[in-house]
PDB file of N, CA and C in Angstrom:
ATOM      1  N   MET A   1       0.851  -1.187   0.000  1.00  0.00           N
ATOM      2  CA  MET A   1       0.000   0.000   0.000  1.00  0.00           C
ATOM      3  C   MET A   1       0.884   1.234   0.000  1.00  0.00           C
ATOM      4  N   THR A   2       0.555   2.175  -0.868  1.00  0.00           N
ATOM      5  CA  THR A   2       1.247   3.463  -0.895  1.00  0.00           C
ATOM      6  C   THR A   2       0.401   4.465  -0.130  1.00  0.00           C
ATOM      7  N   LYS A   3       1.037   5.156   0.802  1.00  0.00           N
ATOM      8  CA  LYS A   3       0.365   6.189   1.593  1.00  0.00           C
ATOM      9  C   LYS A   3       0.906   7.542   1.157  1.00  0.00           C
ATOM     10  N   ILE A   4      -0.016   8.394   0.741  1.00  0.00           N
ATOM     11  CA  ILE A   4       0.350   9.730   0.287  1.00  0.00           C
ATOM     12  C   ILE A   4      -0.235  10.742   1.265  1.00  0.00           C
ATOM     13  N   THR A   5       0.588  11.690   1.683  1.00  0.00           N
ATOM     14  CA  THR A   5       0.123  12.765   2.559  1.00  0.00           C
ATOM     15  C   THR A   5       0.463  14.090   1.889  1.00  0.00           C
ATOM     16  N   ILE A   6      -0.535  14.962   1.807  1.00  0.00           N
ATOM     17  CA  ILE A   6      -0.352  16.295   1.235  1.00  0.00           C
ATOM     18  C   ILE A   6      -0.624  17.310   2.341  1.00  0.00           C
ATOM     19  N   LEU A   7       0.342  18.195   2.560  1.00  0.00           N
ATOM     20  CA  LEU A   7       0.199  19.247   3.562  1.00  0.00           C
ATOM     21  C   LEU A   7      -0.091  20.558   2.861  1.00  0.00           C
ATOM     22  N   LYS A   8      -1.160  21.213   3.315  1.00  0.00           N
ATOM     23  CA  LYS A   8      -1.551  22.494   2.739  1.00  0.00           C
ATOM     24  C   LYS A   8      -1.496  23.573   3.812  1.00  0.00           C
ATOM     25  N   ASN A   9      -1.225  24.797   3.382  1.00  0.00           N
ATOM     26  CA  ASN A   9      -1.261  25.913   4.325  1.00  0.00           C
ATOM     27  C   ASN A   9      -2.697  26.423   4.455  1.00  0.00           C
ATOM     28  N   LYS A  10      -2.870  27.460   5.215  1.00  0.00           N
ATOM     29  CA  LYS A  10      -4.219  27.967   5.516  1.00  0.00           C
ATOM     30  C   LYS A  10      -4.965  28.488   4.295  1.00  0.00           C
ATOM     31  N   ILE A  11      -4.233  28.850   3.246  1.00  0.00           N
ATOM     32  CA  ILE A  11      -4.917  29.339   2.042  1.00  0.00           C
ATOM     33  C   ILE A  11      -5.090  28.240   0.996  1.00  0.00           C
ATOM     34  N   GLY A  12      -4.732  27.004   1.352  1.00  0.00           N
ATOM     35  CA  GLY A  12      -4.973  25.868   0.468  1.00  0.00           C
ATOM     36  C   GLY A  12      -3.847  25.519  -0.477  1.00  0.00           C
ATOM     37  N   SER A  13      -2.704  26.186  -0.344  1.00  0.00           N
ATOM     38  CA  SER A  13      -1.559  25.868  -1.202  1.00  0.00           C
ATOM     39  C   SER A  13      -0.804  24.675  -0.630  1.00  0.00           C
ATOM     40  N   ILE A  14      -0.385  23.775  -1.496  1.00  0.00           N
ATOM     41  CA  ILE A  14       0.404  22.622  -1.071  1.00  0.00           C
ATOM     42  C   ILE A  14       1.815  23.108  -0.756  1.00  0.00           C
ATOM     43  N   VAL A  15       2.295  22.787   0.446  1.00  0.00           N
ATOM     44  CA  VAL A  15       3.627  23.202   0.860  1.00  0.00           C
ATOM     45  C   VAL A  15       4.557  22.004   1.065  1.00  0.00           C
ATOM     46  N   GLU A  16       3.973  20.810   1.115  1.00  0.00           N
ATOM     47  CA  GLU A  16       4.770  19.599   1.313  1.00  0.00           C
ATOM     48  C   GLU A  16       3.943  18.394   0.882  1.00  0.00           C
ATOM     49  N   TYR A  17       4.633  17.380   0.384  1.00  0.00           N
ATOM     50  CA  TYR A  17       3.958  16.110   0.118  1.00  0.00           C
ATOM     51  C   TYR A  17       4.914  14.970   0.391  1.00  0.00           C
ATOM     52  N   GLU A  18       4.309  13.835   0.740  1.00  0.00           N
ATOM     53  CA  GLU A  18       5.084  12.651   1.084  1.00  0.00           C
ATOM     54  C   GLU A  18       4.415  11.431   0.465  1.00  0.00           C
ATOM     55  N   VAL A  19       5.208  10.606  -0.180  1.00  0.00           N
ATOM     56  CA  VAL A  19       4.744   9.359  -0.782  1.00  0.00           C
ATOM     57  C   VAL A  19       5.547   8.250  -0.120  1.00  0.00           C
ATOM     58  N   ASN A  20       4.838   7.251   0.432  1.00  0.00           N
ATOM     59  CA  ASN A  20       5.533   6.246   1.226  1.00  0.00           C
ATOM     60  C   ASN A  20       5.018   4.843   0.920  1.00  0.00           C
ATOM     61  N   GLY A  21       5.918   3.994   0.439  1.00  0.00           N
ATOM     62  CA  GLY A  21       5.608   2.580   0.242  1.00  0.00           C
ATOM     63  C   GLY A  21       5.272   2.214  -1.190  1.00  0.00           C
ATOM     64  N   HIS A  22       5.414   0.935  -1.460  1.00  0.00           N
ATOM     65  CA  HIS A  22       5.058   0.378  -2.769  1.00  0.00           C
ATOM     66  C   HIS A  22       3.602  -0.087  -2.722  1.00  0.00           C
ATOM     67  N   THR A  23       2.912   0.004  -3.836  1.00  0.00           N
ATOM     68  CA  THR A  23       1.475  -0.303  -3.861  1.00  0.00           C
ATOM     69  C   THR A  23       1.172  -1.781  -3.688  1.00  0.00           C
ATOM     70  N   GLY A  24       2.026  -2.636  -4.230  1.00  0.00           N
ATOM     71  CA  GLY A  24       1.724  -4.067  -4.206  1.00  0.00           C
ATOM     72  C   GLY A  24       0.725  -4.474  -5.275  1.00  0.00           C
ATOM     73  N   PHE A  25       0.441  -3.580  -6.208  1.00  0.00           N
ATOM     74  CA  PHE A  25      -0.511  -3.864  -7.271  1.00  0.00           C
ATOM     75  C   PHE A  25       0.043  -4.869  -8.268  1.00  0.00           C
ATOM     76  N   GLY A  26       1.354  -4.776  -8.538  1.00  0.00           N
ATOM     77  CA  GLY A  26       1.999  -5.671  -9.487  1.00  0.00           C
ATOM     78  C   GLY A  26       3.354  -6.092  -8.972  1.00  0.00           C
ATOM     79  N   ALA A  27       4.032  -6.916  -9.750  1.00  0.00           N
ATOM     80  CA  ALA A  27       5.361  -7.392  -9.371  1.00  0.00           C
ATOM     81  C   ALA A  27       6.329  -6.216  -9.297  1.00  0.00           C
ATOM     82  N   HIS A  28       7.282  -6.294  -8.355  1.00  0.00           N
ATOM     83  CA  HIS A  28       8.284  -5.242  -8.190  1.00  0.00           C
ATOM     84  C   HIS A  28       9.004  -5.011  -9.520  1.00  0.00           C
ATOM     85  N   GLY A  29       9.060  -3.762  -9.928  1.00  0.00           N
ATOM     86  CA  GLY A  29       9.683  -3.418 -11.200  1.00  0.00           C
ATOM     87  C   GLY A  29       8.724  -3.442 -12.378  1.00  0.00           C
ATOM     88  N   GLU A  30       7.524  -3.981 -12.165  1.00  0.00           N
ATOM     89  CA  GLU A  30       6.513  -4.042 -13.226  1.00  0.00           C
ATOM     90  C   GLU A  30       5.168  -3.502 -12.762  1.00  0.00           C
ATOM     91  N   ASP A  31       5.172  -2.799 -11.647  1.00  0.00           N
ATOM     92  CA  ASP A  31       3.943  -2.291 -11.033  1.00  0.00           C
ATOM     93  C   ASP A  31       3.566  -0.957 -11.688  1.00  0.00           C
ATOM     94  N   ILE A  32       2.568  -0.982 -12.573  1.00  0.00           N
ATOM     95  CA  ILE A  32       2.196   0.230 -13.300  1.00  0.00           C
ATOM     96  C   ILE A  32       1.574   1.289 -12.392  1.00  0.00           C
ATOM     97  N   LEU A  33       0.925   0.871 -11.320  1.00  0.00           N
ATOM     98  CA  LEU A  33       0.340   1.827 -10.393  1.00  0.00           C
ATOM     99  C   LEU A  33       1.450   2.555  -9.629  1.00  0.00           C
ATOM    100  N   CYS A  34       2.416   1.811  -9.146  1.00  0.00           N
ATOM    101  CA  CYS A  34       3.564   2.404  -8.456  1.00  0.00           C
ATOM    102  C   CYS A  34       4.307   3.360  -9.404  1.00  0.00           C
ATOM    103  N   ALA A  35       4.474   2.937 -10.636  1.00  0.00           N
ATOM    104  CA  ALA A  35       5.154   3.774 -11.621  1.00  0.00           C
ATOM    105  C   ALA A  35       4.371   5.067 -11.880  1.00  0.00           C
ATOM    106  N   SER A  36       3.060   4.967 -11.922  1.00  0.00           N
ATOM    107  CA  SER A  36       2.219   6.153 -12.143  1.00  0.00           C
ATOM    108  C   SER A  36       2.383   7.159 -11.014  1.00  0.00           C
ATOM    109  N   ILE A  37       2.378   6.672  -9.790  1.00  0.00           N
ATOM    110  CA  ILE A  37       2.552   7.544  -8.618  1.00  0.00           C
ATOM    111  C   ILE A  37       3.937   8.179  -8.647  1.00  0.00           C
ATOM    112  N   SER A  38       4.946   7.393  -8.983  1.00  0.00           N
ATOM    113  CA  SER A  38       6.319   7.910  -9.060  1.00  0.00           C
ATOM    114  C   SER A  38       6.441   8.993 -10.121  1.00  0.00           C
ATOM    115  N   ILE A  39       5.873   8.767 -11.278  1.00  0.00           N
ATOM    116  CA  ILE A  39       5.946   9.754 -12.363  1.00  0.00           C
ATOM    117  C   ILE A  39       5.304  11.066 -11.943  1.00  0.00           C
ATOM    118  N   LEU A  40       4.113  10.989 -11.355  1.00  0.00           N
ATOM    119  CA  LEU A  40       3.420  12.209 -10.932  1.00  0.00           C
ATOM    120  C   LEU A  40       4.215  12.965  -9.872  1.00  0.00           C
ATOM    121  N   SER A  41       4.661  12.264  -8.853  1.00  0.00           N
ATOM    122  CA  SER A  41       5.319  12.927  -7.724  1.00  0.00           C
ATOM    123  C   SER A  41       6.730  13.409  -8.071  1.00  0.00           C
ATOM    124  N   GLN A  42       7.459  12.659  -8.877  1.00  0.00           N
ATOM    125  CA  GLN A  42       8.815  13.076  -9.233  1.00  0.00           C
ATOM    126  C   GLN A  42       8.814  14.161 -10.314  1.00  0.00           C
ATOM    127  N   THR A  43       7.854  14.108 -11.224  1.00  0.00           N
ATOM    128  CA  THR A  43       7.736  15.170 -12.220  1.00  0.00           C
ATOM    129  C   THR A  43       7.392  16.490 -11.534  1.00  0.00           C
ATOM    130  N   ALA A  44       6.535  16.435 -10.515  1.00  0.00           N
ATOM    131  CA  ALA A  44       6.206  17.651  -9.764  1.00  0.00           C
ATOM    132  C   ALA A  44       7.460  18.229  -9.118  1.00  0.00           C
ATOM    133  N   LEU A  45       8.280  17.379  -8.520  1.00  0.00           N
ATOM    134  CA  LEU A  45       9.523  17.844  -7.899  1.00  0.00           C
ATOM    135  C   LEU A  45      10.426  18.519  -8.921  1.00  0.00           C
ATOM    136  N   ILE A  46      10.645  17.881 -10.042  1.00  0.00           N
ATOM    137  CA  ILE A  46      11.511  18.451 -11.081  1.00  0.00           C
ATOM    138  C   ILE A  46      10.926  19.757 -11.621  1.00  0.00           C
ATOM    139  N   SER A  47       9.603  19.801 -11.760  1.00  0.00           N
ATOM    140  CA  SER A  47       8.934  20.990 -12.287  1.00  0.00           C
ATOM    141  C   SER A  47       9.019  22.186 -11.344  1.00  0.00           C
ATOM    142  N   LEU A  48       9.108  21.919 -10.043  1.00  0.00           N
ATOM    143  CA  LEU A  48       9.268  23.032  -9.107  1.00  0.00           C
ATOM    144  C   LEU A  48      10.521  23.829  -9.444  1.00  0.00           C
ATOM    145  N   ASN A  49      11.547  23.142  -9.886  1.00  0.00           N
ATOM    146  CA  ASN A  49      12.794  23.796 -10.287  1.00  0.00           C
ATOM    147  C   ASN A  49      12.708  24.314 -11.719  1.00  0.00           C
ATOM    148  N   GLU A  50      12.382  23.443 -12.652  1.00  0.00           N
ATOM    149  CA  GLU A  50      12.492  23.780 -14.069  1.00  0.00           C
ATOM    150  C   GLU A  50      11.353  24.651 -14.596  1.00  0.00           C
ATOM    151  N   VAL A  51      10.155  24.527 -14.036  1.00  0.00           N
ATOM    152  CA  VAL A  51       9.005  25.305 -14.510  1.00  0.00           C
ATOM    153  C   VAL A  51       8.751  26.513 -13.609  1.00  0.00           C
ATOM    154  N   CYS A  52       8.856  26.300 -12.302  1.00  0.00           N
ATOM    155  CA  CYS A  52       8.516  27.348 -11.341  1.00  0.00           C
ATOM    156  C   CYS A  52       9.693  28.262 -11.009  1.00  0.00           C
ATOM    157  N   GLY A  53      10.907  27.838 -11.371  1.00  0.00           N
ATOM    158  CA  GLY A  53      12.073  28.665 -11.126  1.00  0.00           C
ATOM    159  C   GLY A  53      12.553  28.667  -9.686  1.00  0.00           C
ATOM    160  N   ILE A  54      12.180  27.647  -8.916  1.00  0.00           N
ATOM    161  CA  ILE A  54      12.650  27.537  -7.540  1.00  0.00           C
ATOM    162  C   ILE A  54      13.998  26.825  -7.571  1.00  0.00           C
ATOM    163  N   ASN A  55      14.996  27.433  -6.979  1.00  0.00           N
ATOM    164  CA  ASN A  55      16.329  26.859  -6.966  1.00  0.00           C
ATOM    165  C   ASN A  55      16.298  25.484  -6.305  1.00  0.00           C
ATOM    166  N   GLU A  56      16.912  24.496  -6.964  1.00  0.00           N
ATOM    167  CA  GLU A  56      16.893  23.123  -6.453  1.00  0.00           C
ATOM    168  C   GLU A  56      17.438  23.027  -5.031  1.00  0.00           C
ATOM    169  N   LYS A  57      18.456  23.802  -4.707  1.00  0.00           N
ATOM    170  CA  LYS A  57      19.038  23.732  -3.363  1.00  0.00           C
ATOM    171  C   LYS A  57      18.092  24.283  -2.299  1.00  0.00           C
ATOM    172  N   ASP A  58      17.073  25.038  -2.706  1.00  0.00           N
ATOM    173  CA  ASP A  58      16.107  25.581  -1.755  1.00  0.00           C
ATOM    174  C   ASP A  58      14.937  24.638  -1.498  1.00  0.00           C
ATOM    175  N   ILE A  59      14.783  23.626  -2.330  1.00  0.00           N
ATOM    176  CA  ILE A  59      13.721  22.633  -2.159  1.00  0.00           C
ATOM    177  C   ILE A  59      14.262  21.510  -1.288  1.00  0.00           C
ATOM    178  N   THR A  60      13.574  21.235  -0.193  1.00  0.00           N
ATOM    179  CA  THR A  60      13.989  20.139   0.677  1.00  0.00           C
ATOM    180  C   THR A  60      13.307  18.868   0.187  1.00  0.00           C
ATOM    181  N   TYR A  61      14.105  17.856  -0.131  1.00  0.00           N
ATOM    182  CA  TYR A  61      13.508  16.601  -0.576  1.00  0.00           C
ATOM    183  C   TYR A  61      14.382  15.423  -0.174  1.00  0.00           C
ATOM    184  N   LEU A  62      13.715  14.291  -0.031  1.00  0.00           N
ATOM    185  CA  LEU A  62      14.382  13.044   0.313  1.00  0.00           C
ATOM    186  C   LEU A  62      13.766  11.948  -0.541  1.00  0.00           C
ATOM    187  N   ILE A  63      14.619  11.169  -1.202  1.00  0.00           N
ATOM    188  CA  ILE A  63      14.160  10.081  -2.064  1.00  0.00           C
ATOM    189  C   ILE A  63      14.855   8.796  -1.638  1.00  0.00           C
ATOM    190  N   ASP A  64      14.062   7.731  -1.465  1.00  0.00           N
ATOM    191  CA  ASP A  64      14.606   6.402  -1.222  1.00  0.00           C
ATOM    192  C   ASP A  64      13.847   5.446  -2.143  1.00  0.00           C
ATOM    193  N   ASP A  65      14.421   5.158  -3.295  1.00  0.00           N
ATOM    194  CA  ASP A  65      13.759   4.320  -4.299  1.00  0.00           C
ATOM    195  C   ASP A  65      13.455   2.921  -3.780  1.00  0.00           C
ATOM    196  N   ASN A  66      14.361   2.367  -2.990  1.00  0.00           N
ATOM    197  CA  ASN A  66      14.150   1.005  -2.484  1.00  0.00           C
ATOM    198  C   ASN A  66      12.918   0.904  -1.592  1.00  0.00           C
ATOM    199  N   LYS A  67      12.683   1.930  -0.797  1.00  0.00           N
ATOM    200  CA  LYS A  67      11.528   1.919   0.112  1.00  0.00           C
ATOM    201  C   LYS A  67      10.288   2.536  -0.522  1.00  0.00           C
ATOM    202  N   GLY A  68      10.449   3.108  -1.707  1.00  0.00           N
ATOM    203  CA  GLY A  68       9.317   3.784  -2.334  1.00  0.00           C
ATOM    204  C   GLY A  68       8.945   5.028  -1.560  1.00  0.00           C
ATOM    205  N   TYR A  69       9.936   5.845  -1.232  1.00  0.00           N
ATOM    206  CA  TYR A  69       9.707   7.008  -0.372  1.00  0.00           C
ATOM    207  C   TYR A  69      10.173   8.280  -1.061  1.00  0.00           C
ATOM    208  N   LEU A  70       9.315   9.309  -0.991  1.00  0.00           N
ATOM    209  CA  LEU A  70       9.645  10.636  -1.490  1.00  0.00           C
ATOM    210  C   LEU A  70       8.962  11.656  -0.600  1.00  0.00           C
ATOM    211  N   LYS A  71       9.727  12.619  -0.128  1.00  0.00           N
ATOM    212  CA  LYS A  71       9.176  13.724   0.649  1.00  0.00           C
ATOM    213  C   LYS A  71       9.725  15.009   0.075  1.00  0.00           C
ATOM    214  N   VAL A  72       8.829  15.960  -0.191  1.00  0.00           N
ATOM    215  CA  VAL A  72       9.207  17.232  -0.802  1.00  0.00           C
ATOM    216  C   VAL A  72       8.592  18.363   0.008  1.00  0.00           C
ATOM    217  N   SER A  73       9.420  19.347   0.365  1.00  0.00           N
ATOM    218  CA  SER A  73       8.949  20.526   1.092  1.00  0.00           C
ATOM    219  C   SER A  73       9.397  21.778   0.349  1.00  0.00           C
ATOM    220  N   LEU A  74       8.457  22.686   0.135  1.00  0.00           N
ATOM    221  CA  LEU A  74       8.779  23.953  -0.510  1.00  0.00           C
ATOM    222  C   LEU A  74       9.474  24.880   0.473  1.00  0.00           C
ATOM    223  N   PRO A  75      10.322  25.764  -0.035  1.00  0.00           N
ATOM    224  CA  PRO A  75      10.892  26.781   0.850  1.00  0.00           C
ATOM    225  C   PRO A  75       9.788  27.732   1.313  1.00  0.00           C
ATOM    226  N   GLN A  76       9.977  28.319   2.477  1.00  0.00           N
ATOM    227  CA  GLN A  76       8.945  29.205   3.023  1.00  0.00           C
ATOM    228  C   GLN A  76       8.838  30.518   2.270  1.00  0.00           C
ATOM    229  N   LYS A  77       9.950  30.990   1.735  1.00  0.00           N
ATOM    230  CA  LYS A  77       9.932  32.287   1.062  1.00  0.00           C
ATOM    231  C   LYS A  77      10.070  32.093  -0.439  1.00  0.00           C
ATOM    232  N   LEU A  78       8.971  32.347  -1.123  1.00  0.00           N
ATOM    233  CA  LEU A  78       8.943  32.290  -2.581  1.00  0.00           C
ATOM    234  C   LEU A  78       8.375  33.597  -3.107  1.00  0.00           C
ATOM    235  N   SER A  79       8.737  33.942  -4.334  1.00  0.00           N
ATOM    236  CA  SER A  79       8.116  35.107  -4.953  1.00  0.00           C
ATOM    237  C   SER A  79       6.659  34.775  -5.269  1.00  0.00           C
ATOM    238  N   ILE A  80       5.876  35.786  -5.515  1.00  0.00           N
ATOM    239  CA  ILE A  80       4.462  35.571  -5.852  1.00  0.00           C
ATOM    240  C   ILE A  80       4.357  34.724  -7.117  1.00  0.00           C
ATOM    241  N   GLU A  81       5.199  35.003  -8.108  1.00  0.00           N
ATOM    242  CA  GLU A  81       5.179  34.240  -9.357  1.00  0.00           C
ATOM    243  C   GLU A  81       5.535  32.769  -9.110  1.00  0.00           C
ATOM    244  N   GLN A  82       6.556  32.515  -8.292  1.00  0.00           N
ATOM    245  CA  GLN A  82       6.928  31.133  -7.971  1.00  0.00           C
ATOM    246  C   GLN A  82       5.802  30.418  -7.230  1.00  0.00           C
ATOM    247  N   MET A  83       5.162  31.109  -6.303  1.00  0.00           N
ATOM    248  CA  MET A  83       4.049  30.501  -5.555  1.00  0.00           C
ATOM    249  C   MET A  83       2.905  30.133  -6.482  1.00  0.00           C
ATOM    250  N   GLU A  84       2.568  31.035  -7.392  1.00  0.00           N
ATOM    251  CA  GLU A  84       1.466  30.780  -8.328  1.00  0.00           C
ATOM    252  C   GLU A  84       1.776  29.588  -9.228  1.00  0.00           C
ATOM    253  N   LYS A  85       2.997  29.531  -9.737  1.00  0.00           N
ATOM    254  CA  LYS A  85       3.390  28.416 -10.598  1.00  0.00           C
ATOM    255  C   LYS A  85       3.441  27.108  -9.806  1.00  0.00           C
ATOM    256  N   ALA A  86       3.987  27.157  -8.590  1.00  0.00           N
ATOM    257  CA  ALA A  86       4.050  25.957  -7.748  1.00  0.00           C
ATOM    258  C   ALA A  86       2.652  25.439  -7.438  1.00  0.00           C
ATOM    259  N   ASP A  87       1.703  26.344  -7.189  1.00  0.00           N
ATOM    260  CA  ASP A  87       0.316  25.936  -6.943  1.00  0.00           C
ATOM    261  C   ASP A  87      -0.235  25.148  -8.119  1.00  0.00           C
ATOM    262  N   ILE A  88       0.021  25.619  -9.323  1.00  0.00           N
ATOM    263  CA  ILE A  88      -0.487  24.941 -10.519  1.00  0.00           C
ATOM    264  C   ILE A  88       0.150  23.562 -10.664  1.00  0.00           C
ATOM    265  N   VAL A  89       1.466  23.502 -10.528  1.00  0.00           N
ATOM    266  CA  VAL A  89       2.178  22.225 -10.656  1.00  0.00           C
ATOM    267  C   VAL A  89       1.689  21.233  -9.600  1.00  0.00           C
ATOM    268  N   LEU A  90       1.640  21.663  -8.343  1.00  0.00           N
ATOM    269  CA  LEU A  90       1.312  20.737  -7.256  1.00  0.00           C
ATOM    270  C   LEU A  90      -0.168  20.358  -7.233  1.00  0.00           C
ATOM    271  N   LYS A  91      -1.038  21.266  -7.623  1.00  0.00           N
ATOM    272  CA  LYS A  91      -2.457  20.911  -7.693  1.00  0.00           C
ATOM    273  C   LYS A  91      -2.730  19.969  -8.867  1.00  0.00           C
ATOM    274  N   THR A  92      -1.950  20.097  -9.936  1.00  0.00           N
ATOM    275  CA  THR A  92      -2.055  19.146 -11.041  1.00  0.00           C
ATOM    276  C   THR A  92      -1.616  17.758 -10.584  1.00  0.00           C
ATOM    277  N   MET A  93      -0.511  17.695  -9.837  1.00  0.00           N
ATOM    278  CA  MET A  93      -0.076  16.422  -9.260  1.00  0.00           C
ATOM    279  C   MET A  93      -1.169  15.844  -8.373  1.00  0.00           C
ATOM    280  N   GLU A  94      -1.759  16.690  -7.547  1.00  0.00           N
ATOM    281  CA  GLU A  94      -2.819  16.255  -6.629  1.00  0.00           C
ATOM    282  C   GLU A  94      -4.003  15.657  -7.389  1.00  0.00           C
ATOM    283  N   VAL A  95      -4.404  16.277  -8.478  1.00  0.00           N
ATOM    284  CA  VAL A  95      -5.517  15.756  -9.285  1.00  0.00           C
ATOM    285  C   VAL A  95      -5.192  14.350  -9.785  1.00  0.00           C
ATOM    286  N   GLY A  96      -3.976  14.166 -10.285  1.00  0.00           N
ATOM    287  CA  GLY A  96      -3.571  12.843 -10.763  1.00  0.00           C
ATOM    288  C   GLY A  96      -3.538  11.813  -9.661  1.00  0.00           C
ATOM    289  N   LEU A  97      -2.970  12.172  -8.501  1.00  0.00           N
ATOM    290  CA  LEU A  97      -2.899  11.229  -7.380  1.00  0.00           C
ATOM    291  C   LEU A  97      -4.287  10.901  -6.842  1.00  0.00           C
ATOM    292  N   LYS A  98      -5.150  11.906  -6.766  1.00  0.00           N
ATOM    293  CA  LYS A  98      -6.515  11.662  -6.284  1.00  0.00           C
ATOM    294  C   LYS A  98      -7.249  10.715  -7.227  1.00  0.00           C
ATOM    295  N   GLY A  99      -7.041  10.887  -8.509  1.00  0.00           N
ATOM    296  CA  GLY A  99      -7.662   9.987  -9.481  1.00  0.00           C
ATOM    297  C   GLY A  99      -7.218   8.548  -9.273  1.00  0.00           C
ATOM    298  N   LEU A 100      -5.934   8.353  -9.003  1.00  0.00           N
ATOM    299  CA  LEU A 100      -5.438   6.993  -8.752  1.00  0.00           C
ATOM    300  C   LEU A 100      -6.009   6.408  -7.467  1.00  0.00           C
ATOM    301  N   THR A 101      -6.151   7.243  -6.434  1.00  0.00           N
ATOM    302  CA  THR A 101      -6.711   6.722  -5.175  1.00  0.00           C
ATOM    303  C   THR A 101      -8.190   6.381  -5.334  1.00  0.00           C
ATOM    304  N   ASP A 102      -8.877   7.121  -6.178  1.00  0.00           N
ATOM    305  CA  ASP A 102     -10.298   6.819  -6.422  1.00  0.00           C
ATOM    306  C   ASP A 102     -10.459   5.485  -7.155  1.00  0.00           C
ATOM    307  N   ILE A 103      -9.560   5.211  -8.085  1.00  0.00           N
ATOM    308  CA  ILE A 103      -9.646   3.990  -8.885  1.00  0.00           C
ATOM    309  C   ILE A 103      -9.084   2.775  -8.142  1.00  0.00           C
ATOM    310  N   TYR A 104      -8.042   2.987  -7.340  1.00  0.00           N
ATOM    311  CA  TYR A 104      -7.339   1.883  -6.662  1.00  0.00           C
ATOM    312  C   TYR A 104      -7.286   2.080  -5.146  1.00  0.00           C
ATOM    313  N   PRO A 105      -8.432   2.189  -4.484  1.00  0.00           N
ATOM    314  CA  PRO A 105      -8.426   2.484  -3.039  1.00  0.00           C
ATOM    315  C   PRO A 105      -7.798   1.386  -2.174  1.00  0.00           C
ATOM    316  N   ASP A 106      -7.692   0.174  -2.691  1.00  0.00           N
ATOM    317  CA  ASP A 106      -7.066  -0.911  -1.919  1.00  0.00           C
ATOM    318  C   ASP A 106      -5.540  -0.846  -1.969  1.00  0.00           C
ATOM    319  N   TYR A 107      -4.995   0.020  -2.815  1.00  0.00           N
ATOM    320  CA  TYR A 107      -3.552   0.076  -3.015  1.00  0.00           C
ATOM    321  C   TYR A 107      -2.929   1.439  -2.697  1.00  0.00           C
ATOM    322  N   VAL A 108      -3.771   2.485  -2.649  1.00  0.00           N
ATOM    323  CA  VAL A 108      -3.260   3.846  -2.446  1.00  0.00           C
ATOM    324  C   VAL A 108      -4.198   4.611  -1.516  1.00  0.00           C
ATOM    325  N   THR A 109      -3.617   5.319  -0.544  1.00  0.00           N
ATOM    326  CA  THR A 109      -4.416   6.212   0.296  1.00  0.00           C
ATOM    327  C   THR A 109      -3.870   7.624   0.153  1.00  0.00           C
ATOM    328  N   LEU A 110      -4.756   8.590   0.299  1.00  0.00           N
ATOM    329  CA  LEU A 110      -4.388   9.996   0.220  1.00  0.00           C
ATOM    330  C   LEU A 110      -4.992  10.707   1.417  1.00  0.00           C
ATOM    331  N   LYS A 111      -4.121  11.332   2.211  1.00  0.00           N
ATOM    332  CA  LYS A 111      -4.563  12.070   3.390  1.00  0.00           C
ATOM    333  C   LYS A 111      -4.053  13.503   3.291  1.00  0.00           C
ATOM    334  N   TYR A 112      -4.783  14.386   3.958  1.00  0.00           N
ATOM    335  CA  TYR A 112      -4.423  15.802   3.975  1.00  0.00           C
ATOM    336  C   TYR A 112      -4.180  16.254   5.407  1.00  0.00           C
ATOM    337  N   ARG A 113      -3.247  17.205   5.531  1.00  0.00           N
ATOM    338  CA  ARG A 113      -3.024  17.877   6.809  1.00  0.00           C
ATOM    339  C   ARG A 113      -2.838  19.360   6.517  1.00  0.00           C
ATOM    340  N   GLU A 114      -3.179  20.169   7.500  1.00  0.00           N
ATOM    341  CA  GLU A 114      -2.970  21.611   7.375  1.00  0.00           C
ATOM    342  C   GLU A 114      -1.799  22.008   8.261  1.00  0.00           C
ATOM    343  N   VAL A 115      -0.963  22.885   7.723  1.00  0.00           N
ATOM    344  CA  VAL A 115       0.181  23.387   8.503  1.00  0.00           C
ATOM    345  C   VAL A 115       0.064  24.884   8.683  1.00  0.00           C
TER     346      VAL A 115
END
């Protein structure tokens, strides 16, 4: 089971997300559900730098491929333009992850917390 947690601030912007565990939907290395979650969450991380213009060294992240773990935290101080772009990127990721949890609830959970 993959457990996804999305942390939002008081205005609803995603400031952190965590993906933990392999889904168990398919064989290791051939699990299309796990691959889908990885693509969404890792593309969002890369896009924070390449699309939103947030310096990679300012993004706090931890990746452990063997454990199926990814945690990403945005820096607290962003320009208005960076915040707006990050909102679009991360909410797009959220839509994709929510769709997967709706289709595969036995393999993926999505929880929210406010910070």
